[in-house]
């Protein structure tokens, strides 16, 4: 079984703040956040984290435009939710390959007024398609990835992974060799 790829090419928790990660991390630990808010400018490509099937692609209330990818990992079925998208590039029932671009980030749902460093894609790992409010029916993405990208940025590109720590203004330049 192949390892999961990250949902974006550049993965970092918005503003590197704990309250943008998973768990009882909001309002002094009294309110749940159901996934990760990954910093992303609108139009950033979202990648299928695994081979799977599109369970849902459409609008879902405060999450805006959403893609729900059904996939298997370590013998379990999960659903990866990509939220606040500007575009969905897949349809329900489509089979997708690990790493395939399935949507573009945006500012839909309750993220529509966010600007600058607050622009993000909300990303969840679910055990059921529609878990409702709270943390039930969800798994901390860090459980599958080994850590949340808080305080560091994880770059994903064609199977080559680079983890950076504390390097402000780091730019990765990709050269295409033909």
Foldseek 3Di string as FASTA:
>chain_A
DDAFFAFFQKWAAQVLDPLQFAALRPPNSNFTDAHHWTFDDWFGFTWGRAWFFFQDFQQDAQQGTWTWTWDDDPRAIKIKIKGQFPFAQDHGGDTDHRGDGGTTHHQGHNRVVDDDSNRTIGIWIFRDDDDDGDHPRTDGVCVRVVDHRRQWMWGDDPHDIDIDHDDPPDDDDDDDDD
